[in-house]
Amino acid sequence: MNYYTKEALISAIGNTTKLNQLKRDDSAVIISEYGGRVLGVFPTETCYSLLWINPNIKNIISIRNRAIGGDRYWLSPERDFFYKNPESFSNWICQPSLDPANYEILDTDEISCTISSNLFVQNMRTKQGYQGEITRQFKLIREPYNTGLSYCGVEFLDDCILYRPNLNVNGWNLATIISCGRENPGTVLIPTKVKPKPLSYFRIIPKDRLKVEEDFVAFKIDVDDVYKLAIRPEDVDFSRPSKIGYVLKMPDSDEYGFLVKLSDDIPKTQNECFDVARDHPDSEIGVIQSYNSESPEKPFLNYGEIELQLNKFETIDNASHGKAKHQLFGYIGTKDDITGAIEKYLGIENPFLF
């Protein structure tokens, strides 16, 4: 199963982990205690989730694998926390104490939910270990623009503390997104200042996967090859709350889906962000990112990602604190309707779609 309706997701997980459903009108967000995240976003009762969810979700949870999908919280720089050999960017791992961690649902009502986990992470470069904790609050919110479309909106408040001062660390928010493969790719859209200079983070992105316009960048998500795009803070339009969007013709449907992330809590300068690129670690850094994976086990399709580097941690009372607020909105509608929503959020009048 490549795509999940809400009922199919709930059925597939069964009693493997606690789920919490935040619901308003016909829309819903599914929170997973395992992995501590928004797992599914459903603008209508019957649509597929706009967030990617692992096709073997029950088994993945039972073996405590981190790759369940959804919208998760990590720490960056990736080089320090995810590579056993950081100098050569080799032997990638995900420390299980960070993800899936050991989240517990602390408080919940019909439109909000709070979860928390202790954590311990090792900086692979310095060999230091950091104890800490992460609390995530999710709350359903109303759309900031009146679109007239079926939608679901959720606000995140991520609050992480590491019990060591003066750390060069950012929070990192990553949402996995669905694609229909090469036959029906999705398009990431990032509004920018005039004449942006996008960065590749793994290897040079081919021209047929990247479109650089006067005031936005478009990136293909076909989950058929590994590439990563990043946008420098110098190119980010900070006057606009919406930082990155994603549009896709929905599977088994004539309708389109649109996901958009909003936040003011992202690094504003190069010296506030530490997630260096694998293919140019001594050069410029990007704070808005998008990842395209490959899918080795076809016909099951893997995911793309839309990502935000979050505020630099600040030292308070001899510990490093990272706190950030961001929002995620999901929409379902006709192509014309979704194009209208893209213009309202991203300011892109004629979006290029792959």
Protein backbone atom coordinates (compact mmCIF):
# COMPACT_ATOMS: atom_id res chain seq x y z
CA MET A 1 0.00 0.00 0.00
CA ASN A 2 1.59 3.28 -1.14
CA TYR A 3 -1.08 5.65 0.22
CA TYR A 4 -3.31 5.69 3.27
CA THR A 5 -6.76 7.01 3.96
CA LYS A 6 -7.40 7.85 7.61
CA GLU A 7 -9.35 4.66 8.27
CA ALA A 8 -6.77 2.52 6.47
CA LEU A 9 -3.99 4.05 8.59
CA ILE A 10 -5.81 3.46 11.87
CA SER A 11 -6.60 -0.11 10.83
CA ALA A 12 -3.04 -0.83 9.68
CA ILE A 13 -1.49 0.31 12.96
CA GLY A 14 -4.02 -1.42 15.19
CA ASN A 15 -2.75 -1.51 18.76
CA THR A 16 0.94 -1.28 17.81
CA THR A 17 1.14 2.25 19.23
CA LYS A 18 -1.17 4.89 20.67
CA LEU A 19 -2.72 7.20 18.11
CA ASN A 20 -4.45 10.47 18.83
CA GLN A 21 -6.85 12.03 16.34
CA LEU A 22 -7.25 15.81 16.20
CA LYS A 23 -10.42 16.58 14.29
CA ARG A 24 -12.26 19.62 12.99
CA ASP A 25 -15.19 19.44 10.55
CA ASP A 26 -14.21 16.82 7.93
CA SER A 27 -10.46 17.21 8.42
CA ALA A 28 -8.16 15.33 10.78
CA VAL A 29 -4.56 15.00 11.92
CA ILE A 30 -3.28 11.69 13.28
CA ILE A 31 -0.62 11.92 16.01
CA SER A 32 1.58 8.88 16.63
CA GLU A 33 3.00 8.38 20.13
CA TYR A 34 5.65 6.14 18.56
CA GLY A 35 8.15 8.52 16.96
CA GLY A 36 6.40 11.56 18.46
CA ARG A 37 4.97 13.14 15.34
CA VAL A 38 2.11 14.08 13.11
CA LEU A 39 1.78 10.91 11.06
CA GLY A 40 -1.15 11.64 8.74
CA VAL A 41 -2.74 14.84 7.41
CA PHE A 42 -6.26 14.46 5.99
CA PRO A 43 -8.06 17.55 4.63
CA THR A 44 -11.16 15.40 4.00
CA GLU A 45 -12.62 12.21 5.48
CA THR A 46 -11.82 10.07 2.44
CA CYS A 47 -8.65 11.51 0.88
CA TYR A 48 -5.18 10.01 1.09
CA SER A 49 -2.74 11.46 3.61
CA LEU A 50 -0.59 14.18 2.09
CA LEU A 51 2.26 13.00 4.31
CA TRP A 52 4.03 9.79 3.32
CA ILE A 53 3.51 6.81 5.64
CA ASN A 54 5.56 3.62 5.45
CA PRO A 55 3.72 0.89 3.49
CA ASN A 56 4.75 -1.63 6.18
CA ILE A 57 3.97 0.66 9.11
CA LYS A 58 2.93 -2.00 11.63
CA ASN A 59 6.07 -4.06 11.15
CA ILE A 60 8.29 -0.96 11.14
CA ILE A 61 6.90 0.05 14.54
CA SER A 62 7.17 -3.46 15.97
CA ILE A 63 10.91 -3.65 15.17
CA ARG A 64 11.44 -0.06 16.42
CA ASN A 65 12.61 1.27 13.09
CA ARG A 66 12.49 5.05 12.81
CA ALA A 67 11.26 5.21 9.17
CA ILE A 68 7.50 5.45 9.75
CA GLY A 69 6.99 8.68 7.79
CA GLY A 70 5.02 11.72 8.91
CA ASP A 71 6.44 15.04 10.14
CA ARG A 72 9.33 14.57 12.57
CA TYR A 73 11.82 16.50 14.71
CA TRP A 74 15.58 15.98 14.42
CA LEU A 75 18.72 17.86 15.43
CA SER A 76 21.28 19.29 13.04
CA PRO A 77 23.96 19.54 11.76
CA GLU A 78 23.49 16.20 10.07
CA ARG A 79 27.25 15.78 9.81
CA ASP A 80 27.63 15.78 13.60
CA PHE A 81 24.68 13.64 14.62
CA PHE A 82 24.06 11.23 11.72
CA TYR A 83 27.46 10.10 10.39
CA LYS A 84 29.71 7.71 12.30
CA ASN A 85 32.57 9.16 10.25
CA PRO A 86 31.63 12.84 10.00
CA GLU A 87 34.78 14.06 8.30
CA SER A 88 34.13 11.82 5.30
CA PHE A 89 30.31 11.90 5.56
CA SER A 90 30.24 8.10 5.70
CA ASN A 91 28.35 5.41 7.66
CA TRP A 92 25.04 7.27 8.07
CA ILE A 93 22.95 6.29 11.08
CA CYS A 94 19.94 7.60 12.95
CA GLN A 95 20.48 7.50 16.70
CA PRO A 96 17.41 5.68 18.08
CA SER A 97 17.38 7.84 21.20
CA LEU A 98 16.55 10.78 18.91
CA ASP A 99 14.21 8.96 16.54
CA PRO A 100 12.01 7.09 17.32
CA ALA A 101 13.03 8.11 20.89
CA ASN A 102 10.56 7.24 23.67
CA TYR A 103 7.71 9.69 23.37
CA GLU A 104 4.67 9.64 25.61
CA ILE A 105 1.39 11.48 25.12
CA LEU A 106 1.10 13.83 28.09
CA ASP A 107 -2.10 15.75 27.42
CA THR A 108 -4.73 15.82 24.72
CA ASP A 109 -8.14 17.18 23.77
CA GLU A 110 -10.16 17.38 20.55
CA ILE A 111 -7.84 19.87 18.81
CA SER A 112 -4.49 19.66 20.63
CA CYS A 113 -1.93 17.17 21.88
CA THR A 114 1.35 17.34 23.83
CA ILE A 115 4.04 14.67 23.72
CA SER A 116 7.48 14.41 25.31
CA SER A 117 10.58 12.23 25.37
CA ASN A 118 13.92 12.15 27.14
CA LEU A 119 16.83 11.86 24.74
CA PHE A 120 20.54 11.21 24.60
CA VAL A 121 22.55 12.00 21.48
CA GLN A 122 26.22 11.76 20.69
CA ASN A 123 28.06 14.32 18.63
CA MET A 124 30.05 12.02 16.35
CA ARG A 125 32.58 14.74 15.57
CA THR A 126 33.40 15.89 19.13
CA LYS A 127 32.58 12.49 20.75
CA GLN A 128 30.52 14.32 23.40
CA GLY A 129 27.20 12.96 24.59
CA TYR A 130 24.25 15.23 25.37
CA GLN A 131 21.37 14.37 27.70
CA GLY A 132 18.15 16.27 27.16
CA GLU A 133 14.44 16.21 26.48
CA ILE A 134 12.05 17.25 23.72
CA THR A 135 8.44 18.36 24.08
CA ARG A 136 6.19 18.79 21.04
CA GLN A 137 2.81 20.48 21.13
CA PHE A 138 0.37 20.11 18.20
CA LYS A 139 -2.76 22.20 17.77
CA LEU A 140 -5.31 22.48 14.97
CA ILE A 141 -5.53 26.03 13.64
CA ARG A 142 -7.55 27.98 11.07
CA GLU A 143 -6.13 28.91 7.70
CA PRO A 144 -4.58 32.41 7.46
CA TYR A 145 -6.09 32.97 3.99
CA ASN A 146 -9.67 32.26 2.99
CA THR A 147 -9.35 29.71 0.19
CA GLY A 148 -12.78 28.04 0.28
CA LEU A 149 -11.01 24.67 -0.04
CA SER A 150 -10.99 21.53 2.09
CA TYR A 151 -7.99 21.93 4.36
CA CYS A 152 -6.29 20.86 7.55
CA GLY A 153 -3.95 23.10 9.54
CA VAL A 154 -1.73 22.21 12.49
CA GLU A 155 0.66 24.33 14.54
CA PHE A 156 3.79 22.82 16.09
CA LEU A 157 5.64 24.14 19.11
CA ASP A 158 8.91 22.24 19.44
CA ASP A 159 10.88 22.76 22.65
CA CYS A 160 14.18 20.91 23.06
CA ILE A 161 16.78 21.22 25.81
CA LEU A 162 20.27 19.70 25.89
CA TYR A 163 22.04 19.83 29.25
CA ARG A 164 25.26 21.36 27.97
CA PRO A 165 25.85 25.06 27.20
CA ASN A 166 27.04 26.87 24.05
CA LEU A 167 26.16 24.18 21.50
CA ASN A 168 26.13 24.99 17.79
CA VAL A 169 22.90 23.09 17.16
CA ASN A 170 19.65 23.75 15.28
CA GLY A 171 16.30 22.08 15.55
CA TRP A 172 15.32 20.40 12.30
CA ASN A 173 11.79 19.80 11.04
CA LEU A 174 11.24 17.27 8.25
CA ALA A 175 7.94 16.32 6.62
CA THR A 176 7.87 13.25 4.37
CA ILE A 177 5.73 13.77 1.26
CA ILE A 178 4.06 11.36 -1.16
CA SER A 179 4.81 11.09 -4.87
CA CYS A 180 3.40 8.98 -7.67
CA GLY A 181 6.84 8.28 -9.13
CA ARG A 182 8.19 9.19 -12.55
CA GLU A 183 4.77 9.09 -14.20
CA ASN A 184 3.28 11.70 -11.86
CA PRO A 185 5.99 13.60 -9.96
CA GLY A 186 5.26 16.26 -7.39
CA THR A 187 6.74 19.75 -7.30
CA VAL A 188 8.35 21.54 -4.37
CA LEU A 189 7.94 25.32 -4.60
CA ILE A 190 10.08 27.72 -2.58
CA PRO A 191 9.45 31.49 -2.80
CA THR A 192 12.67 33.53 -2.82
CA LYS A 193 14.14 36.95 -3.25
CA VAL A 194 15.02 38.00 -6.79
CA LYS A 195 17.52 35.80 -8.64
CA PRO A 196 18.13 33.07 -6.06
CA LYS A 197 21.20 30.84 -6.05
CA PRO A 198 19.99 27.38 -4.90
CA LEU A 199 22.46 24.88 -3.48
CA SER A 200 22.86 21.16 -4.09
CA TYR A 201 23.61 19.24 -0.91
CA PHE A 202 24.61 15.77 -2.10
CA ARG A 203 25.55 16.13 -5.76
CA ILE A 204 24.73 18.52 -8.57
CA ILE A 205 20.99 18.52 -9.32
CA PRO A 206 20.30 17.97 -13.05
CA LYS A 207 18.57 20.76 -14.96
CA ASP A 208 15.53 18.59 -15.65
CA ARG A 209 14.91 18.34 -11.88
CA LEU A 210 15.33 21.99 -10.95
CA LYS A 211 13.69 25.16 -12.26
CA VAL A 212 15.06 28.50 -11.08
CA GLU A 213 12.73 31.40 -11.79
CA GLU A 214 13.01 35.09 -10.96
CA ASP A 215 11.50 34.78 -7.48
CA PHE A 216 10.99 31.08 -6.79
CA VAL A 217 12.60 27.67 -7.17
CA ALA A 218 10.82 24.47 -8.28
CA PHE A 219 12.20 20.98 -7.53
CA LYS A 220 10.98 17.63 -8.84
CA ILE A 221 9.90 14.90 -6.42
CA ASP A 222 9.66 11.56 -8.23
CA VAL A 223 11.30 9.32 -5.56
CA ASP A 224 13.46 7.77 -8.26
CA ASP A 225 16.93 9.15 -7.47
CA VAL A 226 18.71 10.82 -4.55
CA TYR A 227 19.12 14.61 -4.64
CA LYS A 228 18.85 17.38 -2.08
CA LEU A 229 18.10 21.05 -2.64
CA ALA A 230 18.80 23.87 -0.18
CA ILE A 231 18.04 27.59 -0.15
CA ARG A 232 20.45 30.05 1.49
CA PRO A 233 19.12 32.48 4.11
CA GLU A 234 20.29 35.26 1.78
CA ASP A 235 17.68 34.09 -0.75
CA VAL A 236 14.78 33.57 1.68
CA ASP A 237 11.90 36.05 1.52
CA PHE A 238 11.50 36.64 5.26
CA SER A 239 8.60 39.05 4.68
CA ARG A 240 6.50 36.00 3.79
CA PRO A 241 5.54 33.51 6.57
CA SER A 242 5.20 30.62 4.06
CA LYS A 243 8.62 29.14 3.43
CA ILE A 244 8.10 25.99 1.31
CA GLY A 245 5.21 24.25 -0.45
CA TYR A 246 4.53 21.02 -2.29
CA VAL A 247 1.91 20.24 -4.95
CA LEU A 248 0.92 16.90 -6.46
CA LYS A 249 -1.86 15.48 -8.61
CA MET A 250 -3.33 13.04 -6.09
CA PRO A 251 -3.16 9.30 -6.80
CA ASP A 252 -6.40 7.73 -8.09
CA SER A 253 -7.97 11.19 -8.39
CA ASP A 254 -8.39 14.23 -10.62
CA GLU A 255 -7.80 16.49 -7.61
CA TYR A 256 -4.56 18.07 -6.47
CA GLY A 257 -2.97 18.22 -3.04
CA PHE A 258 -0.98 21.10 -1.60
CA LEU A 259 1.18 21.13 1.56
CA VAL A 260 2.77 24.31 2.85
CA LYS A 261 5.07 25.05 5.79
CA LEU A 262 5.09 28.41 7.56
CA SER A 263 7.55 29.67 10.17
CA ASP A 264 9.48 32.74 11.27
CA ASP A 265 11.69 30.62 13.52
CA ILE A 266 14.40 29.70 11.03
CA PRO A 267 18.01 30.97 10.79
CA LYS A 268 18.31 34.41 9.21
CA THR A 269 22.06 34.33 8.51
CA GLN A 270 24.80 31.84 7.67
CA ASN A 271 26.27 31.99 11.18
CA GLU A 272 22.95 30.88 12.75
CA CYS A 273 22.86 27.56 10.89
CA PHE A 274 25.36 24.68 10.98
CA ASP A 275 24.01 22.04 8.57
CA VAL A 276 26.84 22.03 6.03
CA ALA A 277 26.45 20.38 2.63
CA ARG A 278 28.03 17.03 1.92
CA ASP A 279 29.32 18.13 -1.49
CA HIS A 280 30.66 21.54 -0.34
CA PRO A 281 31.09 21.47 3.46
CA ASP A 282 33.30 24.57 3.52
CA SER A 283 30.93 26.70 1.48
CA GLU A 284 27.48 28.25 1.94
CA ILE A 285 24.69 26.71 4.01
CA GLY A 286 20.97 26.38 3.21
CA VAL A 287 18.17 26.75 5.77
CA ILE A 288 15.18 25.59 3.68
CA GLN A 289 15.71 22.14 2.18
CA SER A 290 14.02 19.46 0.09
CA TYR A 291 15.03 15.85 -0.42
CA ASN A 292 14.14 13.37 -3.17
CA SER A 293 14.75 9.71 -2.31
CA GLU A 294 14.89 6.64 -4.50
CA SER A 295 12.56 3.63 -4.33
CA PRO A 296 14.51 0.37 -4.57
CA GLU A 297 11.53 -1.84 -3.65
CA LYS A 298 9.14 -0.87 -6.44
CA PRO A 299 6.19 -0.85 -6.81
CA PHE A 300 6.33 0.47 -3.23
CA LEU A 301 7.35 4.11 -3.43
CA ASN A 302 9.49 5.96 -0.93
CA TYR A 303 9.20 9.63 -0.08
CA GLY A 304 10.36 13.15 -0.67
CA GLU A 305 10.82 15.71 2.09
CA ILE A 306 10.21 19.37 2.77
CA GLU A 307 12.43 20.61 5.58
CA LEU A 308 13.14 23.62 7.76
CA GLN A 309 16.24 24.29 9.78
CA LEU A 310 14.92 25.85 13.01
CA ASN A 311 16.28 28.41 15.46
CA LYS A 312 19.81 28.09 16.77
CA PHE A 313 19.87 26.79 20.34
CA GLU A 314 20.43 29.46 23.00
CA THR A 315 22.26 29.00 26.30
CA ILE A 316 20.01 29.52 29.33
CA ASP A 317 21.02 28.45 32.86
CA ASN A 318 23.99 26.42 31.64
CA ALA A 319 21.95 24.40 29.11
CA SER A 320 21.22 24.78 25.38
CA HIS A 321 17.58 25.46 24.49
CA GLY A 322 15.94 25.23 21.07
CA LYS A 323 12.38 26.48 20.75
CA ALA A 324 10.51 27.03 17.50
CA LYS A 325 6.97 27.45 16.22
CA HIS A 326 5.90 26.38 12.74
CA GLN A 327 2.70 25.49 10.92
CA LEU A 328 1.70 22.92 8.33
CA PHE A 329 -1.38 23.28 6.11
CA GLY A 330 -2.73 20.67 3.72
CA TYR A 331 -5.29 21.28 0.95
CA ILE A 332 -7.29 19.23 -1.55
CA GLY A 333 -8.94 20.78 -4.62
CA THR A 334 -8.99 21.21 -8.38
CA LYS A 335 -5.81 22.29 -10.12
CA ASP A 336 -7.15 25.84 -10.52
CA ASP A 337 -8.18 25.98 -6.86
CA ILE A 338 -4.79 24.75 -5.69
CA THR A 339 -3.02 27.21 -7.99
CA GLY A 340 -5.00 29.95 -6.24
CA ALA A 341 -3.91 28.69 -2.83
CA ILE A 342 -0.28 28.59 -4.00
CA GLU A 343 -0.52 32.25 -5.01
CA LYS A 344 -2.00 33.26 -1.64
CA TYR A 345 0.60 31.43 0.40
CA LEU A 346 3.74 31.58 -1.73
CA GLY A 347 3.06 34.63 -3.92
CA ILE A 348 3.74 32.58 -7.05
CA GLU A 349 1.24 33.55 -9.78
CA ASN A 350 2.25 31.02 -12.43
CA PRO A 351 3.90 28.08 -10.67
CA PHE A 352 6.03 25.74 -12.74
CA LEU A 353 4.89 22.18 -12.12
CA PHE A 354 6.84 19.06 -13.12
